[in-house]
């Protein structure tokens, strides 16, 4: 598995052909870029076709993300307001208590969320941190919610401890293509991220892994990110696609905004290359507007983060999300795989 994670796998068939049943689709960045360059109508049609082969296209998953430990992170991720070295107005806080997390999870469930994600601004949690988070996971799991955590890099044994507490998913994003990564982050290596994903898989925990677009990368580098994700073996069950939120005080605060249709193309390409993953609209929805979100759903997105905040950045109002789904004739619920899907 580690060799598959560490490098892209050469594509041995044309990108327009589906893989045989039971095999793993392999993609090069060039093959993924070919998808990006399809005409917009053709790309949307292909993505919607793949989506319908694998999911009910009207079903959208609602997930809630709670920052259980905010700020003070020693990393230098150029997009992140929680990095201690940037003056963004984010105050560092200690880990939340189980009673606080339980109340937040109860509110999320009452509002219709089916997955509850907990994020902590650590570079790499210590053993004692994992033990405390495991207690939080068990607390949330007792409500019948799917559980997810994003805590930074994991050491040996950490994922097993979380799984035993009831963790369903672990989020650890690749963020970008390998050749763009060093422009965004210098405090950890790309391989560090792949190693954590390998530990998560090895512990039997499902993987939530995506990236951020709009950080100044080229289209080929966006394709490289999708290729890396699609070449994980297996590819992630959950793929969050984040649109850069430009936060004052971070190095990317003045980054030129990405064309919204390029973001929609990214969603469509993720759906085509990872047909049985839940593709999630994550950070940046607040700035998209209803029409762009609707196109993303047509392109194959079937999961959103629900609630007024994502860690430290804003998110659309919860009632606005419900109203949008109603206007689009979409349903809130768990997107189950169609058994005959490839």
Protein backbone atom coordinates (compact mmCIF):
# COMPACT_ATOMS: atom_id res chain seq x y z
CA UNK A 1 0.00 0.00 0.00
CA UNK A 2 2.77 2.46 0.85
CA UNK A 3 4.19 2.28 -2.67
CA UNK A 4 0.79 3.12 -4.16
CA UNK A 5 0.39 6.05 -1.80
CA UNK A 6 3.83 7.43 -2.45
CA UNK A 7 3.62 8.03 -6.17
CA UNK A 8 1.12 8.27 -9.03
CA UNK A 9 0.43 5.08 -10.97
CA UNK A 10 0.73 5.14 -14.75
CA UNK A 11 -2.58 5.01 -16.58
CA UNK A 12 -2.58 2.06 -19.00
CA UNK A 13 -5.90 2.78 -20.71
CA UNK A 14 -7.50 5.85 -22.26
CA UNK A 15 -9.08 8.10 -19.62
CA UNK A 16 -12.53 7.88 -21.26
CA UNK A 17 -12.79 4.12 -20.63
CA UNK A 18 -14.02 2.63 -17.37
CA UNK A 19 -11.91 0.16 -15.40
CA UNK A 20 -13.00 -3.47 -15.43
CA UNK A 21 -15.21 -4.53 -12.53
CA UNK A 22 -13.18 -5.17 -9.38
CA UNK A 23 -10.07 -3.30 -10.51
CA UNK A 24 -8.75 0.06 -9.36
CA UNK A 25 -8.90 3.02 -11.73
CA UNK A 26 -5.46 4.56 -12.22
CA UNK A 27 -4.88 8.10 -13.37
CA UNK A 28 -1.95 10.28 -14.40
CA UNK A 29 -2.12 14.04 -13.97
CA UNK A 30 -2.14 14.36 -17.77
CA UNK A 31 -5.13 12.02 -18.07
CA UNK A 32 -7.01 13.96 -15.40
CA UNK A 33 -6.15 17.22 -17.14
CA UNK A 34 -7.78 15.78 -20.28
CA UNK A 35 -11.00 15.52 -18.29
CA UNK A 36 -10.67 19.12 -17.13
CA UNK A 37 -10.37 20.20 -20.76
CA UNK A 38 -13.58 18.56 -21.93
CA UNK A 39 -16.25 21.03 -22.96
CA UNK A 40 -18.27 22.08 -19.95
CA UNK A 41 -21.49 20.38 -21.19
CA UNK A 42 -19.64 17.14 -21.95
CA UNK A 43 -17.84 17.15 -18.60
CA UNK A 44 -21.06 17.78 -16.69
CA UNK A 45 -22.90 15.06 -18.61
CA UNK A 46 -20.17 12.52 -17.96
CA UNK A 47 -19.95 13.40 -14.27
CA UNK A 48 -23.72 13.23 -13.83
CA UNK A 49 -23.80 9.86 -15.62
CA UNK A 50 -21.13 8.43 -13.32
CA UNK A 51 -22.91 9.89 -10.30
CA UNK A 52 -26.24 8.28 -11.25
CA UNK A 53 -24.55 4.92 -11.80
CA UNK A 54 -23.39 4.92 -8.19
CA UNK A 55 -25.71 7.11 -6.09
CA UNK A 56 -29.20 8.54 -5.88
CA UNK A 57 -28.44 11.95 -7.45
CA UNK A 58 -31.00 13.70 -5.23
CA UNK A 59 -29.51 12.62 -1.89
CA UNK A 60 -27.15 14.98 -0.05
CA UNK A 61 -25.27 14.11 3.14
CA UNK A 62 -25.11 16.72 5.92
CA UNK A 63 -21.98 16.68 8.06
CA UNK A 64 -21.09 19.04 10.90
CA UNK A 65 -17.55 20.12 11.75
CA UNK A 66 -16.63 21.28 15.25
CA UNK A 67 -13.29 22.76 16.26
CA UNK A 68 -12.56 20.96 19.53
CA UNK A 69 -9.16 22.64 19.94
CA UNK A 70 -8.63 25.92 18.11
CA UNK A 71 -5.53 27.88 17.13
CA UNK A 72 -1.91 27.81 18.24
CA UNK A 73 -0.80 25.40 15.52
CA UNK A 74 2.98 25.40 14.85
CA UNK A 75 2.59 24.60 11.13
CA UNK A 76 3.01 27.26 8.41
CA UNK A 77 0.16 26.26 6.05
CA UNK A 78 -0.27 29.44 4.01
CA UNK A 79 -4.07 29.22 3.93
CA UNK A 80 -4.69 28.55 7.63
CA UNK A 81 -5.86 31.17 10.16
CA UNK A 82 -5.03 28.75 13.01
CA UNK A 83 -1.27 28.92 12.41
CA UNK A 84 0.31 30.59 15.45
CA UNK A 85 2.76 32.54 13.29
CA UNK A 86 0.00 34.48 11.46
CA UNK A 87 -1.92 37.37 12.99
CA UNK A 88 -5.48 36.43 12.05
CA UNK A 89 -7.36 37.19 15.27
CA UNK A 90 -7.88 33.51 16.08
CA UNK A 91 -7.45 32.89 19.80
CA UNK A 92 -5.84 29.62 20.88
CA UNK A 93 -8.02 27.43 23.07
CA UNK A 94 -7.65 24.19 24.99
CA UNK A 95 -9.39 20.93 24.12
CA UNK A 96 -13.14 21.00 24.70
CA UNK A 97 -14.70 18.97 27.50
CA UNK A 98 -16.88 15.92 26.69
CA UNK A 99 -20.05 17.63 27.95
CA UNK A 100 -19.51 20.55 25.54
CA UNK A 101 -18.91 18.24 22.61
CA UNK A 102 -21.97 16.16 23.51
CA UNK A 103 -24.18 19.24 23.44
CA UNK A 104 -22.78 20.31 20.08
CA UNK A 105 -23.31 16.81 18.64
CA UNK A 106 -26.88 16.72 19.95
CA UNK A 107 -27.61 20.04 18.25
CA UNK A 108 -26.06 18.78 15.01
CA UNK A 109 -28.13 15.60 15.05
CA UNK A 110 -31.31 17.57 15.77
CA UNK A 111 -30.52 19.76 12.76
CA UNK A 112 -30.21 16.72 10.49
CA UNK A 113 -26.47 16.00 10.43
CA UNK A 114 -25.55 12.34 10.06
CA UNK A 115 -21.77 12.72 10.44
CA UNK A 116 -20.04 14.69 13.18
CA UNK A 117 -16.47 15.75 12.54
CA UNK A 118 -14.06 17.01 15.21
CA UNK A 119 -11.00 19.05 14.34
CA UNK A 120 -8.04 19.97 16.54
CA UNK A 121 -5.21 22.33 15.59
CA UNK A 122 -2.30 20.03 16.31
CA UNK A 123 0.71 19.21 14.19
CA UNK A 124 0.76 15.73 15.68
CA UNK A 125 -1.22 14.78 18.81
CA UNK A 126 0.50 13.16 21.78
CA UNK A 127 -0.66 9.87 23.29
CA UNK A 128 -2.54 11.72 26.03
CA UNK A 129 -4.30 13.86 23.41
CA UNK A 130 -5.44 10.76 21.55
CA UNK A 131 -6.84 9.29 24.76
CA UNK A 132 -8.89 12.44 25.37
CA UNK A 133 -10.16 12.54 21.79
CA UNK A 134 -11.06 8.86 22.00
CA UNK A 135 -13.39 9.78 24.88
CA UNK A 136 -14.98 12.47 22.70
CA UNK A 137 -15.41 10.00 19.84
CA UNK A 138 -17.17 7.52 22.11
CA UNK A 139 -19.42 10.31 23.37
CA UNK A 140 -20.50 11.30 19.87
CA UNK A 141 -20.82 7.69 18.72
CA UNK A 142 -23.31 7.04 21.54
CA UNK A 143 -25.75 9.36 19.72
CA UNK A 144 -25.76 7.16 16.63
CA UNK A 145 -23.82 9.64 14.50
CA UNK A 146 -20.98 8.74 12.15
CA UNK A 147 -17.76 10.04 13.66
CA UNK A 148 -14.81 11.74 11.99
CA UNK A 149 -11.70 13.42 13.39
CA UNK A 150 -8.93 15.55 11.94
CA UNK A 151 -6.05 15.94 14.38
CA UNK A 152 -2.91 16.21 12.27
CA UNK A 153 -0.29 13.54 11.73
CA UNK A 154 -0.83 10.26 13.57
CA UNK A 155 1.85 8.03 15.05
CA UNK A 156 1.74 4.23 15.29
CA UNK A 157 -1.16 3.04 17.43
CA UNK A 158 -3.12 6.31 17.37
CA UNK A 159 -5.55 5.26 14.66
CA UNK A 160 -6.19 1.94 16.40
CA UNK A 161 -7.06 3.73 19.65
CA UNK A 162 -9.50 6.00 17.83
CA UNK A 163 -11.06 3.09 15.94
CA UNK A 164 -11.62 1.18 19.17
CA UNK A 165 -13.44 4.24 20.54
CA UNK A 166 -15.79 4.18 17.55
CA UNK A 167 -14.14 6.44 14.96
CA UNK A 168 -15.56 5.86 11.48
CA UNK A 169 -13.51 8.32 9.41
CA UNK A 170 -10.20 10.12 9.76
CA UNK A 171 -9.66 13.30 7.75
CA UNK A 172 -6.18 14.14 6.55
CA UNK A 173 -6.09 16.17 3.35
CA UNK A 174 -3.29 16.10 0.79
CA UNK A 175 -4.04 19.80 0.18
CA UNK A 176 -2.37 20.02 -3.24
CA UNK A 177 -0.43 18.21 -5.92
CA UNK A 178 3.09 17.15 -4.82
CA UNK A 179 4.81 19.69 -7.08
CA UNK A 180 2.86 22.62 -5.60
CA UNK A 181 2.94 21.51 -1.98
CA UNK A 182 6.22 23.19 -1.08
CA UNK A 183 4.81 26.56 -2.16
CA UNK A 184 2.11 26.26 0.50
CA UNK A 185 3.64 24.32 3.42
CA UNK A 186 7.24 23.84 4.58
CA UNK A 187 6.77 22.43 8.08
CA UNK A 188 5.84 18.90 6.98
CA UNK A 189 6.55 16.77 3.94
CA UNK A 190 4.03 15.37 1.47
CA UNK A 191 5.16 11.90 2.50
CA UNK A 192 4.19 12.69 6.11
CA UNK A 193 0.59 13.03 4.94
CA UNK A 194 0.75 9.78 3.00
CA UNK A 195 2.22 7.98 6.01
CA UNK A 196 -0.69 9.10 8.20
CA UNK A 197 -3.18 7.89 5.59
CA UNK A 198 -1.41 4.53 5.54
CA UNK A 199 -1.73 4.27 9.33
CA UNK A 200 -5.42 5.13 9.13
CA UNK A 201 -6.06 2.47 6.49
CA UNK A 202 -4.01 -0.04 8.41
CA UNK A 203 -6.20 0.46 11.47
CA UNK A 204 -9.39 -0.18 9.50
CA UNK A 205 -10.64 3.42 9.70
CA UNK A 206 -12.24 4.95 6.60
CA UNK A 207 -10.37 7.77 4.90
CA UNK A 208 -11.64 11.31 4.37
CA UNK A 209 -9.07 13.03 2.18
CA UNK A 210 -9.24 15.89 -0.30
CA UNK A 211 -7.59 19.21 -0.95
CA UNK A 212 -7.87 22.94 -1.51
CA UNK A 213 -8.18 24.66 -4.86
CA UNK A 214 -7.71 28.33 -5.68
CA UNK A 215 -4.33 28.70 -3.95
CA UNK A 216 -2.57 29.83 -7.14
CA UNK A 217 -2.02 26.37 -8.58
CA UNK A 218 -2.25 25.66 -12.32
CA UNK A 219 -4.96 23.49 -13.86
CA UNK A 220 -2.37 20.74 -14.32
CA UNK A 221 -1.58 20.96 -10.61
CA UNK A 222 -5.28 20.71 -9.78
CA UNK A 223 -5.32 17.63 -11.98
CA UNK A 224 -2.27 16.36 -10.10
CA UNK A 225 -4.12 16.64 -6.79
CA UNK A 226 -7.10 14.68 -8.13
CA UNK A 227 -4.76 12.06 -9.60
CA UNK A 228 -3.04 11.59 -6.24
CA UNK A 229 -6.39 11.12 -4.51
CA UNK A 230 -7.74 8.76 -7.17
CA UNK A 231 -4.57 6.65 -7.03
CA UNK A 232 -4.81 5.94 -3.31
CA UNK A 233 -5.60 2.24 -2.98
CA UNK A 234 -8.45 2.32 -2.33
CA UNK A 235 -9.33 5.93 -3.03
CA UNK A 236 -10.94 7.81 -0.11
CA UNK A 237 -14.52 7.03 0.86
CA UNK A 238 -15.01 10.75 1.44
CA UNK A 239 -13.38 13.51 -0.65
CA UNK A 240 -13.74 17.09 0.61
CA UNK A 241 -13.01 19.69 -2.05
CA UNK A 242 -12.25 23.04 -0.43
CA UNK A 243 -12.32 26.42 -2.14
CA UNK A 244 -9.67 28.68 -0.63
CA UNK A 245 -11.11 31.07 1.95
CA UNK A 246 -8.85 34.10 1.86
CA UNK A 247 -8.23 35.12 5.47
CA UNK A 248 -6.58 38.42 6.39
CA UNK A 249 -3.21 37.83 7.98
CA UNK A 250 -2.41 34.64 6.06
CA UNK A 251 0.04 34.61 3.12
CA UNK A 252 -2.82 33.79 0.72
CA UNK A 253 -5.06 36.63 1.87
CA UNK A 254 -4.63 38.48 -1.45
CA UNK A 255 -4.70 35.44 -3.74
CA UNK A 256 -6.77 36.10 -6.88
CA UNK A 257 -10.08 34.19 -6.71
CA UNK A 258 -10.52 31.04 -8.78
CA UNK A 259 -13.06 31.09 -11.61
CA UNK A 260 -16.15 29.43 -10.06
CA UNK A 261 -16.66 27.25 -13.14
CA UNK A 262 -13.14 25.88 -12.64
CA UNK A 263 -14.21 24.85 -9.16
CA UNK A 264 -17.27 23.10 -10.63
CA UNK A 265 -14.96 21.32 -13.10
CA UNK A 266 -12.86 20.12 -10.15
CA UNK A 267 -15.95 18.61 -8.51
CA UNK A 268 -16.92 16.88 -11.77
CA UNK A 269 -13.43 15.45 -12.30
CA UNK A 270 -13.33 14.19 -8.71
CA UNK A 271 -16.65 12.43 -9.28
CA UNK A 272 -15.48 10.77 -12.50
CA UNK A 273 -12.15 9.59 -11.10
CA UNK A 274 -13.57 8.48 -7.72
CA UNK A 275 -17.07 7.32 -8.68
CA UNK A 276 -18.04 5.68 -5.38
CA UNK A 277 -16.70 8.35 -3.02
CA UNK A 278 -18.82 10.93 -1.28
CA UNK A 279 -17.59 14.18 -2.80
CA UNK A 280 -18.10 16.99 -0.33
CA UNK A 281 -18.44 20.73 -0.81
CA UNK A 282 -16.38 21.99 2.08
CA UNK A 283 -14.72 25.34 2.82
CA UNK A 284 -15.67 28.27 0.62
CA UNK A 285 -19.37 27.54 0.12
CA UNK A 286 -20.32 30.88 1.66
CA UNK A 287 -18.68 32.74 -1.22
CA UNK A 288 -20.04 30.51 -4.01
CA UNK A 289 -23.68 31.50 -4.13
CA UNK A 290 -26.64 29.24 -4.79
CA UNK A 291 -26.14 28.87 -8.54
CA UNK A 292 -22.56 27.60 -8.28
CA UNK A 293 -23.52 25.19 -5.50
CA UNK A 294 -26.35 23.88 -7.69
CA UNK A 295 -23.86 23.22 -10.49
CA UNK A 296 -21.60 21.40 -8.03
CA UNK A 297 -24.48 19.09 -7.09
CA UNK A 298 -25.09 18.42 -10.77
CA UNK A 299 -21.36 17.71 -11.15
CA UNK A 300 -21.59 14.97 -8.53
CA UNK A 301 -21.13 16.56 -5.10
CA UNK A 302 -23.33 14.70 -2.63
CA UNK A 303 -22.14 15.92 0.76
CA UNK A 304 -21.83 19.32 2.45
CA UNK A 305 -20.61 20.65 5.74
CA UNK A 306 -23.65 21.97 7.55
CA UNK A 307 -23.59 24.65 10.23
CA UNK A 308 -22.59 28.28 10.60
CA UNK A 309 -18.85 27.69 10.95
CA UNK A 310 -16.10 25.42 9.61
CA UNK A 311 -13.44 25.38 12.31
CA UNK A 312 -12.82 29.14 12.22
CA UNK A 313 -14.28 30.30 8.89
CA UNK A 314 -17.88 31.11 8.01
CA UNK A 315 -20.36 28.73 6.38
CA UNK A 316 -23.85 29.30 4.94
CA UNK A 317 -26.73 29.59 7.39
CA UNK A 318 -28.30 26.21 8.16
CA UNK A 319 -31.78 27.29 7.11
CA UNK A 320 -30.35 28.65 3.86
CA UNK A 321 -28.97 25.18 3.12
CA UNK A 322 -32.33 23.55 3.74
CA UNK A 323 -34.04 26.14 1.56
CA UNK A 324 -31.53 25.60 -1.26
CA UNK A 325 -32.04 21.84 -1.22
CA UNK A 326 -35.80 22.32 -1.31
CA UNK A 327 -35.53 24.68 -4.30
CA UNK A 328 -33.36 22.12 -6.11
CA UNK A 329 -35.62 19.13 -5.24
CA UNK A 330 -32.74 17.52 -3.35
CA UNK A 331 -33.09 15.44 -0.20
CA UNK A 332 -31.14 15.44 3.04
CA UNK A 333 -29.87 12.00 4.01
CA UNK A 334 -27.20 9.33 3.65
CA UNK A 335 -26.15 8.79 -0.01
CA UNK A 336 -26.04 4.99 -0.20
CA UNK A 337 -24.06 3.29 -2.94
CA UNK A 338 -26.06 1.57 -5.64
CA UNK A 339 -25.00 -2.07 -5.45
CA UNK A 340 -24.63 -2.42 -9.22
CA UNK A 341 -22.36 0.65 -9.42
CA UNK A 342 -18.78 0.16 -10.56
